[in-house]
């Protein structure tokens, strides 16, 4: 109850003093990722699995990168992307499509559409390696 009274009092003082309360505007990244699951793996060569929902805004680009000693398995939830994989060339997966990126293979993606692209990404990787490493092209 004290917190509500203090907050209300602060707002009253701000308005009473003629101060405008402005909403904070924060620039949003064209790419966001939410980890859905991360768990250790036992009994195999990989030690960790990470599942993420990744969203790429229209015009958003995932720069060229690799997954050190890790595999990436993706299911397109919504939208479409322009995907370029070093050893495979260009593809245009859309909602309902899946694809696999082999370990250590450079790749990039761009949302050339007008709506966000949402992907469910599963990575199998060694625990001591980063999820991704940028590469120069």
C-alpha atoms as a PDB file:
ATOM      1  CA  UNK A   1       0.000   0.000   0.000  1.00  0.00           C
ATOM      2  CA  UNK A   2       2.868   2.399   0.836  1.00  0.00           C
ATOM      3  CA  UNK A   3       4.378   1.828  -2.612  1.00  0.00           C
ATOM      4  CA  UNK A   4       1.119   2.782  -4.346  1.00  0.00           C
ATOM      5  CA  UNK A   5       0.819   5.939  -2.257  1.00  0.00           C
ATOM      6  CA  UNK A   6       4.432   6.972  -2.932  1.00  0.00           C
ATOM      7  CA  UNK A   7       4.085   6.310  -6.676  1.00  0.00           C
ATOM      8  CA  UNK A   8       0.775   8.180  -6.802  1.00  0.00           C
ATOM      9  CA  UNK A   9       2.314  11.058  -4.897  1.00  0.00           C
ATOM     10  CA  UNK A  10       5.268  11.212  -7.286  1.00  0.00           C
ATOM     11  CA  UNK A  11       2.922  11.357 -10.272  1.00  0.00           C
ATOM     12  CA  UNK A  12       0.824  14.043  -8.612  1.00  0.00           C
ATOM     13  CA  UNK A  13       3.952  16.113  -7.939  1.00  0.00           C
ATOM     14  CA  UNK A  14       5.146  15.663 -11.520  1.00  0.00           C
ATOM     15  CA  UNK A  15       1.839  16.771 -13.003  1.00  0.00           C
ATOM     16  CA  UNK A  16       1.419  19.515 -10.405  1.00  0.00           C
ATOM     17  CA  UNK A  17       4.846  20.903 -11.275  1.00  0.00           C
ATOM     18  CA  UNK A  18       3.894  20.930 -14.945  1.00  0.00           C
ATOM     19  CA  UNK A  19       6.259  18.134 -15.892  1.00  0.00           C
ATOM     20  CA  UNK A  20       5.170  16.046 -18.816  1.00  0.00           C
ATOM     21  CA  UNK A  21       5.517  12.318 -18.379  1.00  0.00           C
ATOM     22  CA  UNK A  22       6.855  11.026 -21.701  1.00  0.00           C
ATOM     23  CA  UNK A  23       6.744   7.375 -22.683  1.00  0.00           C
ATOM     24  CA  UNK A  24      10.221   6.016 -23.319  1.00  0.00           C
ATOM     25  CA  UNK A  25      10.879   5.197 -26.966  1.00  0.00           C
ATOM     26  CA  UNK A  26      13.374   2.402 -27.492  1.00  0.00           C
ATOM     27  CA  UNK A  27      14.660   1.421 -30.915  1.00  0.00           C
ATOM     28  CA  UNK A  28      13.836  -2.195 -31.620  1.00  0.00           C
ATOM     29  CA  UNK A  29      16.273  -4.616 -33.196  1.00  0.00           C
ATOM     30  CA  UNK A  30      15.136  -6.177 -36.473  1.00  0.00           C
ATOM     31  CA  UNK A  31      15.906  -9.586 -34.963  1.00  0.00           C
ATOM     32  CA  UNK A  32      14.776 -10.947 -31.630  1.00  0.00           C
ATOM     33  CA  UNK A  33      15.197 -14.372 -30.080  1.00  0.00           C
ATOM     34  CA  UNK A  34      13.453 -15.949 -27.111  1.00  0.00           C
ATOM     35  CA  UNK A  35      14.970 -19.105 -25.654  1.00  0.00           C
ATOM     36  CA  UNK A  36      12.145 -21.615 -25.258  1.00  0.00           C
ATOM     37  CA  UNK A  37      14.254 -24.450 -23.858  1.00  0.00           C
ATOM     38  CA  UNK A  38      17.880 -25.085 -22.978  1.00  0.00           C
ATOM     39  CA  UNK A  39      18.947 -28.386 -21.499  1.00  0.00           C
ATOM     40  CA  UNK A  40      22.089 -30.511 -21.182  1.00  0.00           C
ATOM     41  CA  UNK A  41      22.369 -33.568 -23.414  1.00  0.00           C
ATOM     42  CA  UNK A  42      23.745 -36.853 -22.101  1.00  0.00           C
ATOM     43  CA  UNK A  43      24.943 -40.002 -23.842  1.00  0.00           C
ATOM     44  CA  UNK A  44      26.022 -38.475 -27.145  1.00  0.00           C
ATOM     45  CA  UNK A  45      28.568 -36.165 -28.715  1.00  0.00           C
ATOM     46  CA  UNK A  46      26.526 -33.009 -28.087  1.00  0.00           C
ATOM     47  CA  UNK A  47      26.213 -31.594 -24.593  1.00  0.00           C
ATOM     48  CA  UNK A  48      23.517 -28.980 -24.974  1.00  0.00           C
ATOM     49  CA  UNK A  49      20.288 -28.361 -26.880  1.00  0.00           C
ATOM     50  CA  UNK A  50      18.828 -24.865 -27.217  1.00  0.00           C
ATOM     51  CA  UNK A  51      15.376 -24.139 -28.649  1.00  0.00           C
ATOM     52  CA  UNK A  52      14.523 -20.552 -29.570  1.00  0.00           C
ATOM     53  CA  UNK A  53      11.785 -18.648 -31.293  1.00  0.00           C
ATOM     54  CA  UNK A  54      13.512 -16.115 -33.538  1.00  0.00           C
ATOM     55  CA  UNK A  55      11.705 -13.208 -35.157  1.00  0.00           C
ATOM     56  CA  UNK A  56      13.179 -11.287 -38.085  1.00  0.00           C
ATOM     57  CA  UNK A  57      11.455  -7.997 -38.863  1.00  0.00           C
ATOM     58  CA  UNK A  58      10.864  -6.987 -42.496  1.00  0.00           C
ATOM     59  CA  UNK A  59      14.237  -5.920 -43.890  1.00  0.00           C
ATOM     60  CA  UNK A  60      16.077  -7.572 -40.980  1.00  0.00           C
ATOM     61  CA  UNK A  61      19.313  -9.384 -41.773  1.00  0.00           C
ATOM     62  CA  UNK A  62      21.060 -12.142 -39.843  1.00  0.00           C
ATOM     63  CA  UNK A  63      24.731 -11.509 -40.748  1.00  0.00           C
ATOM     64  CA  UNK A  64      26.992 -14.270 -42.058  1.00  0.00           C
ATOM     65  CA  UNK A  65      27.931 -16.622 -39.211  1.00  0.00           C
ATOM     66  CA  UNK A  66      28.673 -20.218 -38.244  1.00  0.00           C
ATOM     67  CA  UNK A  67      27.668 -22.436 -35.347  1.00  0.00           C
ATOM     68  CA  UNK A  68      30.972 -23.844 -34.038  1.00  0.00           C
ATOM     69  CA  UNK A  69      30.660 -27.648 -34.013  1.00  0.00           C
ATOM     70  CA  UNK A  70      26.883 -27.270 -33.659  1.00  0.00           C
ATOM     71  CA  UNK A  71      23.893 -28.103 -35.848  1.00  0.00           C
ATOM     72  CA  UNK A  72      20.921 -25.803 -36.441  1.00  0.00           C
ATOM     73  CA  UNK A  73      17.509 -27.283 -37.253  1.00  0.00           C
ATOM     74  CA  UNK A  74      14.788 -24.760 -38.131  1.00  0.00           C
ATOM     75  CA  UNK A  75      11.035 -24.827 -38.689  1.00  0.00           C
ATOM     76  CA  UNK A  76       9.454 -21.749 -40.272  1.00  0.00           C
ATOM     77  CA  UNK A  77       6.431 -20.704 -38.188  1.00  0.00           C
ATOM     78  CA  UNK A  78       5.408 -17.564 -40.110  1.00  0.00           C
ATOM     79  CA  UNK A  79       6.649 -15.541 -43.065  1.00  0.00           C
ATOM     80  CA  UNK A  80       9.468 -16.272 -45.478  1.00  0.00           C
ATOM     81  CA  UNK A  81      13.203 -15.582 -45.560  1.00  0.00           C
ATOM     82  CA  UNK A  82      15.954 -15.457 -48.139  1.00  0.00           C
ATOM     83  CA  UNK A  83      18.487 -17.982 -46.823  1.00  0.00           C
ATOM     84  CA  UNK A  84      21.985 -18.363 -48.243  1.00  0.00           C
ATOM     85  CA  UNK A  85      24.089 -21.324 -47.144  1.00  0.00           C
ATOM     86  CA  UNK A  86      27.753 -21.381 -48.194  1.00  0.00           C
ATOM     87  CA  UNK A  87      27.806 -24.908 -49.633  1.00  0.00           C
ATOM     88  CA  UNK A  88      24.172 -25.072 -50.770  1.00  0.00           C
ATOM     89  CA  UNK A  89      23.372 -21.683 -52.320  1.00  0.00           C
ATOM     90  CA  UNK A  90      20.164 -19.691 -51.940  1.00  0.00           C
ATOM     91  CA  UNK A  91      16.794 -20.936 -50.688  1.00  0.00           C
ATOM     92  CA  UNK A  92      13.480 -19.275 -49.797  1.00  0.00           C
ATOM     93  CA  UNK A  93      11.910 -21.263 -46.946  1.00  0.00           C
ATOM     94  CA  UNK A  94       8.397 -20.168 -45.986  1.00  0.00           C
ATOM     95  CA  UNK A  95       5.906 -20.999 -43.217  1.00  0.00           C
ATOM     96  CA  UNK A  96       5.660 -24.779 -42.834  1.00  0.00           C
ATOM     97  CA  UNK A  97       9.134 -25.476 -44.266  1.00  0.00           C
ATOM     98  CA  UNK A  98      12.084 -26.847 -42.321  1.00  0.00           C
ATOM     99  CA  UNK A  99      15.822 -26.804 -42.939  1.00  0.00           C
ATOM    100  CA  UNK A 100      19.086 -27.971 -41.357  1.00  0.00           C
ATOM    101  CA  UNK A 101      22.386 -26.064 -41.268  1.00  0.00           C
ATOM    102  CA  UNK A 102      25.399 -28.346 -40.825  1.00  0.00           C
ATOM    103  CA  UNK A 103      28.014 -27.507 -38.186  1.00  0.00           C
ATOM    104  CA  UNK A 104      30.639 -24.887 -39.128  1.00  0.00           C
ATOM    105  CA  UNK A 105      28.907 -23.912 -42.415  1.00  0.00           C
ATOM    106  CA  UNK A 106      28.644 -20.140 -43.046  1.00  0.00           C
ATOM    107  CA  UNK A 107      25.125 -18.866 -43.695  1.00  0.00           C
ATOM    108  CA  UNK A 108      22.988 -15.716 -43.645  1.00  0.00           C
ATOM    109  CA  UNK A 109      19.296 -14.871 -43.782  1.00  0.00           C
ATOM    110  CA  UNK A 110      17.197 -11.833 -44.659  1.00  0.00           C
ATOM    111  CA  UNK A 111      13.513 -11.085 -44.379  1.00  0.00           C
ATOM    112  CA  UNK A 112      12.720  -9.514 -47.746  1.00  0.00           C
ATOM    113  CA  UNK A 113       8.975  -9.592 -47.052  1.00  0.00           C
ATOM    114  CA  UNK A 114       6.588  -7.093 -45.515  1.00  0.00           C
ATOM    115  CA  UNK A 115       5.652  -9.159 -42.451  1.00  0.00           C
ATOM    116  CA  UNK A 116       7.815 -10.561 -39.634  1.00  0.00           C
ATOM    117  CA  UNK A 117       9.317 -14.015 -40.150  1.00  0.00           C
ATOM    118  CA  UNK A 118       9.124 -16.289 -37.083  1.00  0.00           C
ATOM    119  CA  UNK A 119      11.306 -19.379 -36.832  1.00  0.00           C
ATOM    120  CA  UNK A 120      11.566 -22.176 -34.293  1.00  0.00           C
ATOM    121  CA  UNK A 121      15.298 -22.903 -34.101  1.00  0.00           C
ATOM    122  CA  UNK A 122      16.844 -25.933 -32.357  1.00  0.00           C
ATOM    123  CA  UNK A 123      20.619 -26.043 -31.893  1.00  0.00           C
ATOM    124  CA  UNK A 124      22.647 -29.069 -30.809  1.00  0.00           C
ATOM    125  CA  UNK A 125      26.085 -27.952 -29.626  1.00  0.00           C
ATOM    126  CA  UNK A 126      29.047 -28.546 -27.344  1.00  0.00           C
ATOM    127  CA  UNK A 127      28.491 -26.742 -24.038  1.00  0.00           C
ATOM    128  CA  UNK A 128      31.827 -24.894 -24.198  1.00  0.00           C
ATOM    129  CA  UNK A 129      31.210 -23.384 -27.665  1.00  0.00           C
ATOM    130  CA  UNK A 130      29.282 -20.166 -28.400  1.00  0.00           C
ATOM    131  CA  UNK A 131      25.924 -20.368 -30.155  1.00  0.00           C
ATOM    132  CA  UNK A 132      27.242 -18.455 -33.141  1.00  0.00           C
ATOM    133  CA  UNK A 133      30.383 -16.750 -34.408  1.00  0.00           C
ATOM    134  CA  UNK A 134      30.325 -14.029 -37.101  1.00  0.00           C
ATOM    135  CA  UNK A 135      32.310 -14.717 -40.273  1.00  0.00           C
ATOM    136  CA  UNK A 136      33.566 -12.298 -42.908  1.00  0.00           C
ATOM    137  CA  UNK A 137      32.367 -12.781 -46.479  1.00  0.00           C
END
